[in-house]
Amino acid sequence: MVAASQTNDERISALTAHTWSPQPAPAKWVQGVLEDAMQKNSFLATLRRQMFEQSGTRLLDWIDHFALPTDDAALAELSQVGYELDTSVPKVRAWKHSLGLFPRVRIHVGKSRLVVLKVEAVADFLAAQNLSDVAIQGGYLASVRRARVAHENGIEVWVLERHGSLAYEPALDKVVPLDAIAKHSEALRLRRRDFDNAADGFALASRLADAAIAELGRDRTCELFFAAERDYWQRRNRAGRKQRARQEALGLGWANHDHHTYRSSRAQFNRLIAFLERLGFQIRERFYAGREAGWGAQVIEHPVTGVTIFADVDLSPEEVSQDFSHEPLPPRAELGTVGLWCELHGEAFLQAGMHHLECQFDFNATRDQLDEAGILTMPPFTDLPYLRQAFTRGEIWPVKPQRVEQLLASKQITAEQARQFLSNGAIGSHLEILQRDDGYKGFNQHGINEIISATDPRRM
């Protein structure tokens, strides 16, 4: 039930605290800078074509930031299209756009424009592109590493990898704690996931995270944790392995990730959010799939790594306007879409792994190319001018007999459903194909609109 002390206006305010809209003006500015760079730099133009043809991705979605000379005329246009000063990195004059997904922009001392691309590992990119004579700045596994891969007609192309840092350049005088990184990376990758009591699994993960934070800091720990999570998900998802191989052939890795989706039981949802907040995540908007669907989600984002989580849970319409991420959700007799998935496979945080990883693609190209590779996609569930989304066909996982028996005994599934699950398994995970345009940062909020309408005082 909705808390009695919460007014209707307060409930609506909670639902609309993060409202995103397309941002065509800064999108045009970014595209203009990128088009100019591609016209002048043949390496960049070739890479754009390779990305599209071989991985179904867009060069636009791989940009980490632009660096422009101090006298570049384009700098004067930043404030006009909504960019604002970014003070996150000391002693660097830079800009960010808070209303959408756009590359940051900084000033640098020099005559060239720099197009800086994000990759998972600089060395992998250099190897894939046969660039053996390029020097890498920054030690192995440093928080920031980068390399200049092309310079032509006043356009420099750089590739950059980040490990829990917003810095633009490597800290060359800083010692990289390689032993600690290796130790905690392995601990997170090998963490035990199968527990009779899910709370014990969350407690173990919290202890591992705390140990890593003590030695490496919160942001680096967050980066290590989700690298391990993507590995676990990928081992259980054929579409993910196929797309990863396509991107890895170009040396890109998963640096184009958009959001990681976790399905949670109602009983464990607060523990999931608490763990994410332990890593430094900040609450964003709430999502509701609609009254008939019966589930909702909390979007939560990390301000340094950029990792975004879509955390799904069974919810009633009334609960969406509560602080369901922090207030315990009472048990319910019936299971919704998310709850049943968790009962069949386990918590996404534990046994099951993520329900899906979503990355940024050229929507049509990726679907067509994966189809040719034998990976089918489902019909789009969002098809808007600025947001397109579709799942690959779900990976079918076997279901443990004891899970089916418990569901049958509690009368939450029928005997026929039990037989089907035991014989055929159940849908487990997906890769999600997404294309964003005009910097749109949000999700399809049709369900939230339904709740706002339902709580309108004129209808109560």
Protein backbone atom coordinates (compact mmCIF):
# COMPACT_ATOMS: atom_id res chain seq x y z
CA MET A 1 0.00 0.00 0.00
CA VAL A 2 1.05 3.60 -0.53
CA ALA A 3 2.25 5.24 2.65
CA ALA A 4 -0.54 7.31 4.20
CA SER A 5 1.82 10.23 4.83
CA GLN A 6 2.64 10.56 1.13
CA THR A 7 0.45 12.99 -0.78
CA ASN A 8 -0.61 12.41 -4.36
CA ASP A 9 1.65 15.24 -5.53
CA GLU A 10 4.59 13.64 -3.72
CA ARG A 11 3.89 10.29 -5.40
CA ILE A 12 3.79 11.88 -8.85
CA SER A 13 6.95 13.86 -8.07
CA ALA A 14 8.74 10.62 -7.20
CA LEU A 15 7.72 9.09 -10.51
CA THR A 16 8.87 12.06 -12.58
CA ALA A 17 12.07 12.93 -10.71
CA HIS A 18 14.11 11.83 -13.74
CA THR A 19 12.43 12.66 -17.02
CA TRP A 20 14.47 12.39 -20.21
CA SER A 21 13.68 13.78 -23.63
CA PRO A 22 15.44 13.77 -27.02
CA GLN A 23 18.08 16.50 -27.40
CA PRO A 24 18.40 17.22 -31.13
CA ALA A 25 20.55 20.37 -30.80
CA PRO A 26 23.56 18.81 -29.04
CA ALA A 27 23.12 15.68 -31.17
CA LYS A 28 23.53 17.82 -34.29
CA TRP A 29 26.62 19.50 -32.81
CA VAL A 30 28.26 16.14 -31.98
CA GLN A 31 27.41 14.72 -35.39
CA GLY A 32 28.86 17.80 -37.07
CA VAL A 33 32.20 17.48 -35.25
CA LEU A 34 32.31 13.75 -36.04
CA GLU A 35 31.44 14.18 -39.71
CA ASP A 36 34.14 16.80 -40.11
CA ALA A 37 36.65 14.44 -38.51
CA MET A 38 35.69 11.53 -40.76
CA GLN A 39 36.02 13.65 -43.88
CA LYS A 40 39.56 14.64 -42.90
CA ASN A 41 40.85 11.41 -41.35
CA SER A 42 40.79 8.26 -43.48
CA PHE A 43 41.53 5.92 -40.57
CA LEU A 44 38.42 7.15 -38.77
CA ALA A 45 36.27 6.83 -41.89
CA THR A 46 37.51 3.28 -42.45
CA LEU A 47 36.95 2.35 -38.81
CA ARG A 48 33.38 3.65 -39.00
CA ARG A 49 32.72 1.35 -41.96
CA GLN A 50 34.34 -1.62 -40.20
CA MET A 51 32.26 -1.06 -37.09
CA PHE A 52 29.04 -0.96 -39.09
CA GLU A 53 29.78 -3.89 -41.41
CA GLN A 54 31.53 -6.22 -38.98
CA SER A 55 29.88 -5.52 -35.62
CA GLY A 56 26.64 -3.67 -36.41
CA THR A 57 27.74 -0.74 -34.26
CA ARG A 58 28.00 3.00 -34.90
CA LEU A 59 31.16 5.05 -34.48
CA LEU A 60 29.04 7.64 -32.69
CA ASP A 61 28.39 5.24 -29.81
CA TRP A 62 32.11 4.57 -29.23
CA ILE A 63 33.12 8.20 -28.62
CA ASP A 64 34.48 8.82 -25.13
CA HIS A 65 35.18 12.53 -25.61
CA PHE A 66 36.37 15.22 -27.97
CA ALA A 67 39.39 17.43 -27.25
CA LEU A 68 39.42 20.75 -29.13
CA PRO A 69 42.09 23.45 -29.42
CA THR A 70 41.59 26.57 -27.33
CA ASP A 71 40.79 28.68 -30.40
CA ASP A 72 38.35 26.20 -31.98
CA ALA A 73 35.20 28.06 -33.07
CA ALA A 74 33.01 25.07 -32.13
CA LEU A 75 33.69 25.69 -28.44
CA ALA A 76 31.57 28.85 -28.55
CA GLU A 77 28.55 26.76 -29.58
CA LEU A 78 28.62 24.41 -26.59
CA SER A 79 26.56 26.51 -24.22
CA GLN A 80 24.06 27.21 -26.99
CA VAL A 81 23.26 23.49 -27.31
CA GLY A 82 23.05 22.80 -23.59
CA TYR A 83 26.57 21.82 -22.59
CA GLU A 84 27.71 23.01 -19.16
CA LEU A 85 31.09 23.20 -17.43
CA ASP A 86 32.28 19.87 -16.03
CA THR A 87 34.27 20.14 -12.82
CA SER A 88 34.68 16.40 -12.23
CA VAL A 89 38.35 16.43 -13.28
CA PRO A 90 40.50 19.05 -11.51
CA LYS A 91 42.57 21.49 -13.58
CA VAL A 92 40.85 20.52 -16.84
CA ARG A 93 38.51 22.88 -18.69
CA ALA A 94 35.75 20.62 -19.95
CA TRP A 95 32.03 20.43 -20.65
CA LYS A 96 29.32 17.83 -20.23
CA HIS A 97 25.66 17.55 -21.19
CA SER A 98 23.43 16.54 -18.29
CA LEU A 99 20.21 16.04 -20.25
CA GLY A 100 21.36 13.28 -22.57
CA LEU A 101 24.02 10.76 -23.57
CA PHE A 102 26.70 12.83 -25.26
CA PRO A 103 30.49 12.77 -25.28
CA ARG A 104 32.26 15.14 -22.94
CA VAL A 105 34.33 17.91 -24.53
CA ARG A 106 37.60 19.33 -23.24
CA ILE A 107 40.19 21.90 -24.28
CA HIS A 108 43.72 20.75 -25.06
CA VAL A 109 46.93 22.53 -25.90
CA GLY A 110 47.57 21.88 -29.57
CA LYS A 111 46.36 22.59 -33.07
CA SER A 112 44.46 19.36 -33.84
CA ARG A 113 41.03 18.14 -32.92
CA LEU A 114 41.10 14.87 -30.97
CA VAL A 115 38.43 12.20 -31.38
CA VAL A 116 38.87 9.83 -28.44
CA LEU A 117 37.19 6.42 -28.67
CA LYS A 118 36.40 4.17 -25.73
CA VAL A 119 37.53 0.56 -25.86
CA GLU A 120 37.76 -2.18 -23.27
CA ALA A 121 41.52 -2.59 -23.70
CA VAL A 122 43.85 -0.40 -25.74
CA ALA A 123 46.28 -3.27 -26.40
CA ASP A 124 43.46 -5.41 -27.81
CA PHE A 125 42.50 -2.62 -30.20
CA LEU A 126 46.07 -2.13 -31.38
CA ALA A 127 46.49 -5.87 -31.93
CA ALA A 128 43.22 -6.18 -33.84
CA GLN A 129 44.11 -3.22 -36.05
CA ASN A 130 47.72 -4.38 -36.63
CA LEU A 131 49.14 -1.22 -35.06
CA SER A 132 52.29 -2.72 -33.59
CA ASP A 133 54.37 0.46 -33.57
CA VAL A 134 51.98 2.62 -31.55
CA ALA A 135 53.02 3.62 -28.02
CA ILE A 136 50.58 3.18 -25.15
CA GLN A 137 50.46 5.88 -22.47
CA GLY A 138 49.75 4.55 -18.99
CA GLY A 139 50.92 1.39 -17.26
CA TYR A 140 49.26 -1.99 -17.66
CA LEU A 141 45.80 -1.90 -16.03
CA ALA A 142 46.23 1.75 -15.04
CA SER A 143 43.00 3.62 -14.32
CA VAL A 144 43.35 5.33 -17.71
CA ARG A 145 45.38 4.14 -20.70
CA ARG A 146 45.41 5.66 -24.16
CA ALA A 147 47.17 5.61 -27.51
CA ARG A 148 47.13 7.79 -30.60
CA VAL A 149 46.29 5.61 -33.60
CA ALA A 150 45.99 8.14 -36.43
CA HIS A 151 46.84 11.76 -37.25
CA GLU A 152 45.74 13.28 -40.54
CA ASN A 153 44.61 16.74 -41.69
CA GLY A 154 44.40 18.20 -38.22
CA ILE A 155 42.40 15.26 -36.79
CA GLU A 156 43.94 12.91 -34.23
CA VAL A 157 42.25 9.61 -33.37
CA TRP A 158 42.94 8.15 -29.95
CA VAL A 159 41.66 5.06 -28.17
CA LEU A 160 41.22 5.05 -24.40
CA GLU A 161 40.39 2.47 -21.76
CA ARG A 162 39.04 3.35 -18.33
CA HIS A 163 39.02 1.44 -15.07
CA GLY A 164 36.94 3.46 -12.63
CA SER A 165 38.22 6.92 -13.54
CA LEU A 166 36.89 10.04 -15.26
CA ALA A 167 40.37 11.41 -15.99
CA TYR A 168 41.25 12.34 -19.54
CA GLU A 169 44.91 11.41 -19.37
CA PRO A 170 46.92 8.70 -17.57
CA ALA A 171 48.57 9.50 -14.26
CA LEU A 172 52.05 8.44 -15.38
CA ASP A 173 53.60 8.85 -11.93
CA LYS A 174 51.04 6.69 -10.13
CA VAL A 175 51.91 3.09 -9.22
CA VAL A 176 49.35 0.57 -10.51
CA PRO A 177 48.46 -1.97 -7.75
CA LEU A 178 48.63 -4.98 -10.05
CA ASP A 179 48.64 -7.63 -7.32
CA ALA A 180 45.56 -6.15 -5.62
CA ILE A 181 43.74 -5.79 -8.94
CA ALA A 182 44.45 -9.42 -9.83
CA LYS A 183 43.46 -10.67 -6.38
CA HIS A 184 40.12 -8.90 -6.23
CA SER A 185 39.30 -9.48 -9.89
CA GLU A 186 39.67 -13.21 -9.34
CA ALA A 187 37.70 -13.11 -6.09
CA LEU A 188 34.78 -11.39 -7.82
CA ARG A 189 34.89 -13.64 -10.89
CA LEU A 190 34.98 -16.76 -8.72
CA ARG A 191 32.50 -15.67 -6.07
CA ARG A 192 30.13 -18.38 -4.92
CA ARG A 193 26.65 -17.86 -6.33
CA ASP A 194 24.63 -20.89 -5.26
CA PHE A 195 23.15 -20.59 -1.77
CA ASP A 196 20.14 -22.14 -0.08
CA ASN A 197 19.54 -18.76 1.55
CA ALA A 198 19.93 -15.89 -0.93
CA ALA A 199 20.71 -13.46 1.89
CA ASP A 200 23.95 -15.38 2.51
CA GLY A 201 24.93 -14.82 -1.13
CA PHE A 202 24.41 -11.08 -0.82
CA ALA A 203 26.39 -11.05 2.41
CA LEU A 204 29.35 -12.81 0.77
CA ALA A 205 29.31 -10.45 -2.22
CA SER A 206 29.26 -7.48 0.16
CA ARG A 207 32.30 -8.79 2.03
CA LEU A 208 34.17 -9.28 -1.24
CA ALA A 209 33.24 -5.78 -2.39
CA ASP A 210 34.28 -4.22 0.92
CA ALA A 211 37.67 -5.95 0.75
CA ALA A 212 38.23 -4.68 -2.79
CA ILE A 213 37.09 -1.15 -1.91
CA ALA A 214 39.54 -1.05 0.99
CA GLU A 215 42.47 -1.66 -1.36
CA LEU A 216 41.33 -0.31 -4.71
CA GLY A 217 38.61 2.22 -4.01
CA ARG A 218 34.92 2.13 -4.81
CA ASP A 219 35.06 3.05 -8.50
CA ARG A 220 37.71 0.51 -9.49
CA THR A 221 35.83 -2.15 -7.53
CA CYS A 222 32.65 -1.31 -9.44
CA GLU A 223 34.46 -1.73 -12.75
CA LEU A 224 35.92 -5.10 -11.71
CA PHE A 225 32.58 -6.36 -10.43
CA PHE A 226 30.70 -5.70 -13.66
CA ALA A 227 33.46 -7.07 -15.84
CA ALA A 228 32.97 -10.30 -13.89
CA GLU A 229 29.20 -10.06 -14.23
CA ARG A 230 29.40 -9.68 -18.00
CA ASP A 231 31.70 -12.70 -18.18
CA TYR A 232 29.25 -14.83 -16.19
CA TRP A 233 26.28 -13.73 -18.29
CA GLN A 234 28.17 -14.27 -21.54
CA ARG A 235 29.10 -17.87 -20.67
CA ARG A 236 25.38 -18.60 -20.42
CA ASN A 237 24.25 -16.70 -23.51
CA ARG A 238 25.15 -17.69 -27.07
CA ALA A 239 24.05 -14.39 -28.62
CA GLY A 240 26.30 -12.56 -26.19
CA ARG A 241 29.28 -14.73 -27.08
CA LYS A 242 28.66 -14.21 -30.79
CA GLN A 243 28.34 -10.43 -30.55
CA ARG A 244 31.30 -10.20 -28.21
CA ALA A 245 33.43 -12.06 -30.78
CA ARG A 246 32.30 -9.66 -33.52
CA GLN A 247 33.29 -6.63 -31.46
CA GLU A 248 36.47 -8.23 -30.19
CA ALA A 249 37.60 -8.86 -33.78
CA LEU A 250 37.90 -5.08 -34.04
CA GLY A 251 39.46 -4.76 -30.58
CA LEU A 252 36.47 -3.00 -29.03
CA GLY A 253 35.20 -5.29 -26.26
CA TRP A 254 32.01 -4.41 -24.40
CA ALA A 255 32.80 -0.68 -24.06
CA ASN A 256 29.47 0.09 -25.79
CA HIS A 257 27.37 -1.32 -22.93
CA ASP A 258 24.22 0.66 -22.21
CA HIS A 259 22.60 -1.11 -19.25
CA HIS A 260 22.81 -4.34 -17.27
CA THR A 261 19.48 -5.88 -16.25
CA TYR A 262 18.97 -7.82 -13.03
CA ARG A 263 15.79 -9.64 -12.14
CA SER A 264 15.10 -9.90 -8.44
CA SER A 265 12.59 -11.52 -6.14
CA ARG A 266 10.60 -9.16 -3.96
CA ALA A 267 12.33 -10.56 -0.86
CA GLN A 268 15.84 -9.73 -2.12
CA PHE A 269 15.22 -6.48 -4.00
CA ASN A 270 16.32 -4.20 -1.15
CA ARG A 271 19.53 -6.20 -0.76
CA LEU A 272 20.26 -5.82 -4.48
CA ILE A 273 19.85 -2.04 -4.35
CA ALA A 274 21.84 -1.80 -1.12
CA PHE A 275 24.74 -3.67 -2.72
CA LEU A 276 24.70 -1.36 -5.75
CA GLU A 277 24.63 1.72 -3.53
CA ARG A 278 27.61 0.25 -1.67
CA LEU A 279 29.49 0.49 -4.96
CA GLY A 280 28.47 4.13 -5.40
CA PHE A 281 25.38 3.82 -7.62
CA GLN A 282 22.79 6.59 -7.53
CA ILE A 283 19.04 6.15 -7.91
CA ARG A 284 17.53 7.36 -11.18
CA GLU A 285 14.02 6.98 -12.59
CA ARG A 286 11.48 4.27 -11.86
CA PHE A 287 9.92 2.21 -14.58
CA TYR A 288 6.57 0.43 -14.70
CA ALA A 289 5.67 -2.08 -17.38
CA GLY A 290 1.93 -1.59 -16.95
CA ARG A 291 -0.87 -2.94 -14.78
CA GLU A 292 -1.27 -6.11 -16.80
CA ALA A 293 2.46 -6.88 -16.83
CA GLY A 294 2.67 -6.56 -13.06
CA TRP A 295 6.33 -5.64 -12.76
CA GLY A 296 8.44 -2.53 -12.49
CA ALA A 297 12.06 -1.51 -12.20
CA GLN A 298 14.46 0.89 -10.59
CA VAL A 299 17.07 2.48 -12.84
CA ILE A 300 20.32 3.14 -10.99
CA GLU A 301 23.53 4.61 -12.42
CA HIS A 302 27.18 4.81 -11.40
CA PRO A 303 28.50 8.36 -11.83
CA VAL A 304 32.11 7.37 -12.61
CA THR A 305 32.07 4.08 -14.50
CA GLY A 306 28.85 4.91 -16.35
CA VAL A 307 27.43 1.47 -15.59
CA THR A 308 23.63 1.65 -15.54
CA ILE A 309 21.40 -0.99 -13.95
CA PHE A 310 17.81 -1.81 -14.79
CA ALA A 311 16.61 -3.72 -11.70
CA ASP A 312 13.34 -5.63 -12.30
CA VAL A 313 10.90 -6.79 -9.63
CA ASP A 314 7.22 -7.78 -9.39
CA LEU A 315 5.23 -4.71 -8.35
CA SER A 316 1.66 -3.57 -7.98
CA PRO A 317 0.62 -0.17 -9.39
CA GLU A 318 0.36 1.24 -5.89
CA GLU A 319 3.91 0.18 -4.99
CA VAL A 320 5.56 1.96 -7.91
CA SER A 321 5.11 5.35 -6.25
CA GLN A 322 6.63 4.14 -2.98
CA ASP A 323 10.35 4.04 -2.27
CA PHE A 324 10.28 0.35 -3.16
CA SER A 325 14.06 0.28 -3.61
CA HIS A 326 14.60 0.85 0.11
CA GLU A 327 11.33 -0.11 1.80
CA PRO A 328 10.92 -3.91 2.12
CA LEU A 329 8.34 -5.39 -0.23
CA PRO A 330 5.91 -7.68 1.57
CA PRO A 331 5.56 -11.27 0.36
CA ARG A 332 2.81 -12.07 -2.15
CA ALA A 333 1.13 -15.38 -2.83
CA GLU A 334 1.17 -14.95 -6.61
CA LEU A 335 4.25 -14.77 -8.79
CA GLY A 336 4.56 -12.29 -11.62
CA THR A 337 6.83 -12.47 -14.65
CA VAL A 338 9.97 -11.53 -12.73
CA GLY A 339 9.23 -13.55 -9.61
CA LEU A 340 8.60 -16.74 -11.56
CA TRP A 341 11.87 -16.29 -13.51
CA CYS A 342 13.74 -15.98 -10.20
CA GLU A 343 12.04 -19.06 -8.76
CA LEU A 344 12.97 -21.08 -11.83
CA HIS A 345 16.56 -19.91 -12.24
CA GLY A 346 17.60 -18.14 -9.05
CA GLU A 347 18.36 -14.49 -8.40
CA ALA A 348 20.06 -12.69 -11.28
CA PHE A 349 22.61 -11.44 -8.73
CA LEU A 350 23.37 -15.02 -7.76
CA GLN A 351 22.74 -18.30 -9.61
CA ALA A 352 21.08 -17.00 -12.75
CA GLY A 353 23.28 -14.11 -13.78
CA MET A 354 21.93 -11.06 -15.56
CA HIS A 355 18.66 -11.35 -17.46
CA HIS A 356 20.24 -9.36 -20.27
CA LEU A 357 23.07 -7.10 -21.25
CA GLU A 358 22.12 -4.24 -23.52
CA CYS A 359 24.61 -2.47 -25.76
CA GLN A 360 24.31 0.40 -28.22
CA PHE A 361 24.06 -0.63 -31.85
CA ASP A 362 22.80 0.26 -35.27
CA PHE A 363 19.44 -1.42 -34.71
CA ASN A 364 18.77 -2.77 -38.20
CA ALA A 365 22.34 -3.70 -39.02
CA THR A 366 22.88 -5.74 -35.86
CA ARG A 367 19.61 -7.61 -36.19
CA ASP A 368 20.31 -8.45 -39.85
CA GLN A 369 23.89 -9.49 -39.22
CA LEU A 370 23.03 -11.65 -36.22
CA ASP A 371 20.23 -13.27 -38.20
CA GLU A 372 22.78 -14.24 -40.86
CA ALA A 373 24.89 -15.75 -38.08
CA GLY A 374 21.97 -17.84 -36.83
CA ILE A 375 20.98 -15.55 -33.92
CA LEU A 376 17.32 -14.58 -34.21
CA THR A 377 15.76 -11.52 -32.62
CA MET A 378 12.26 -10.98 -31.29
CA PRO A 379 9.94 -8.22 -32.56
CA PRO A 380 10.89 -4.77 -31.21
CA PHE A 381 9.29 -3.85 -27.91
CA THR A 382 10.18 -0.19 -28.42
CA ASP A 383 10.19 1.44 -31.85
CA LEU A 384 10.33 5.20 -31.40
CA PRO A 385 12.19 7.78 -33.52
CA TYR A 386 14.77 8.19 -30.72
CA LEU A 387 14.72 4.72 -29.07
CA ARG A 388 14.55 1.24 -30.57
CA GLN A 389 14.84 -1.97 -28.53
CA ALA A 390 14.57 -5.70 -29.19
CA PHE A 391 15.73 -8.90 -27.49
CA THR A 392 17.50 -11.75 -29.16
CA ARG A 393 15.59 -15.02 -28.84
CA GLY A 394 15.86 -16.15 -25.25
CA GLU A 395 18.49 -18.65 -24.20
CA ILE A 396 16.76 -21.78 -22.92
CA TRP A 397 18.12 -22.99 -19.59
CA PRO A 398 17.36 -26.29 -17.87
CA VAL A 399 15.43 -25.95 -14.60
CA LYS A 400 16.45 -27.88 -11.51
CA PRO A 401 13.82 -30.45 -10.48
CA GLN A 402 13.76 -29.24 -6.88
CA ARG A 403 12.79 -25.75 -8.03
CA VAL A 404 9.92 -27.12 -10.09
CA GLU A 405 8.80 -29.33 -7.20
CA GLN A 406 8.72 -26.38 -4.81
CA LEU A 407 6.65 -24.31 -7.23
CA LEU A 408 4.25 -27.18 -7.80
CA ALA A 409 3.90 -27.88 -4.08
CA SER A 410 3.08 -24.23 -3.40
CA LYS A 411 0.54 -24.29 -6.25
CA GLN A 412 2.27 -21.48 -8.10
CA ILE A 413 2.47 -23.55 -11.29
CA THR A 414 0.25 -26.29 -12.69
CA ALA A 415 1.23 -29.90 -13.23
CA GLU A 416 1.36 -29.30 -16.99
CA GLN A 417 3.63 -26.29 -16.52
CA ALA A 418 5.87 -28.36 -14.27
CA ARG A 419 6.13 -31.03 -16.94
CA GLN A 420 7.00 -28.44 -19.58
CA PHE A 421 9.70 -26.85 -17.43
CA LEU A 422 11.28 -30.22 -16.65
CA SER A 423 11.14 -31.41 -20.26
CA ASN A 424 11.93 -28.23 -22.16
CA GLY A 425 13.55 -25.85 -19.70
CA ALA A 426 12.61 -22.16 -19.51
CA ILE A 427 13.78 -18.92 -21.09
CA GLY A 428 16.81 -17.59 -19.27
CA SER A 429 18.75 -14.66 -20.71
CA HIS A 430 18.95 -12.40 -23.75
CA LEU A 431 21.18 -9.90 -25.50
CA GLU A 432 19.28 -6.67 -26.01
CA ILE A 433 19.80 -4.64 -29.17
CA LEU A 434 19.26 -0.93 -28.64
CA GLN A 435 19.70 2.20 -30.70
CA ARG A 436 19.50 5.65 -29.14
CA ASP A 437 19.22 8.86 -31.14
CA ASP A 438 19.28 12.53 -30.20
CA GLY A 439 21.09 11.59 -27.02
CA TYR A 440 17.95 10.10 -25.47
CA LYS A 441 18.94 8.66 -22.09
CA GLY A 442 15.68 7.22 -20.82
CA PHE A 443 13.45 4.25 -21.44
CA ASN A 444 9.92 3.68 -22.72
CA GLN A 445 7.84 5.18 -19.94
CA HIS A 446 4.36 4.17 -21.11
CA GLY A 447 3.79 2.32 -17.84
CA ILE A 448 4.79 5.31 -15.72
CA ASN A 449 2.38 7.44 -17.71
CA GLU A 450 -0.37 4.99 -16.82
CA ILE A 451 0.41 5.34 -13.10
CA ILE A 452 0.50 9.14 -13.28
CA SER A 453 -2.87 9.10 -14.99
CA ALA A 454 -4.31 6.72 -12.41
CA THR A 455 -3.17 8.92 -9.51
CA ASP A 456 -4.53 12.13 -11.01
CA PRO A 457 -6.72 13.72 -8.26
CA ARG A 458 -9.43 14.29 -10.85
CA ARG A 459 -9.84 10.56 -11.15
CA MET A 460 -9.56 9.62 -7.47
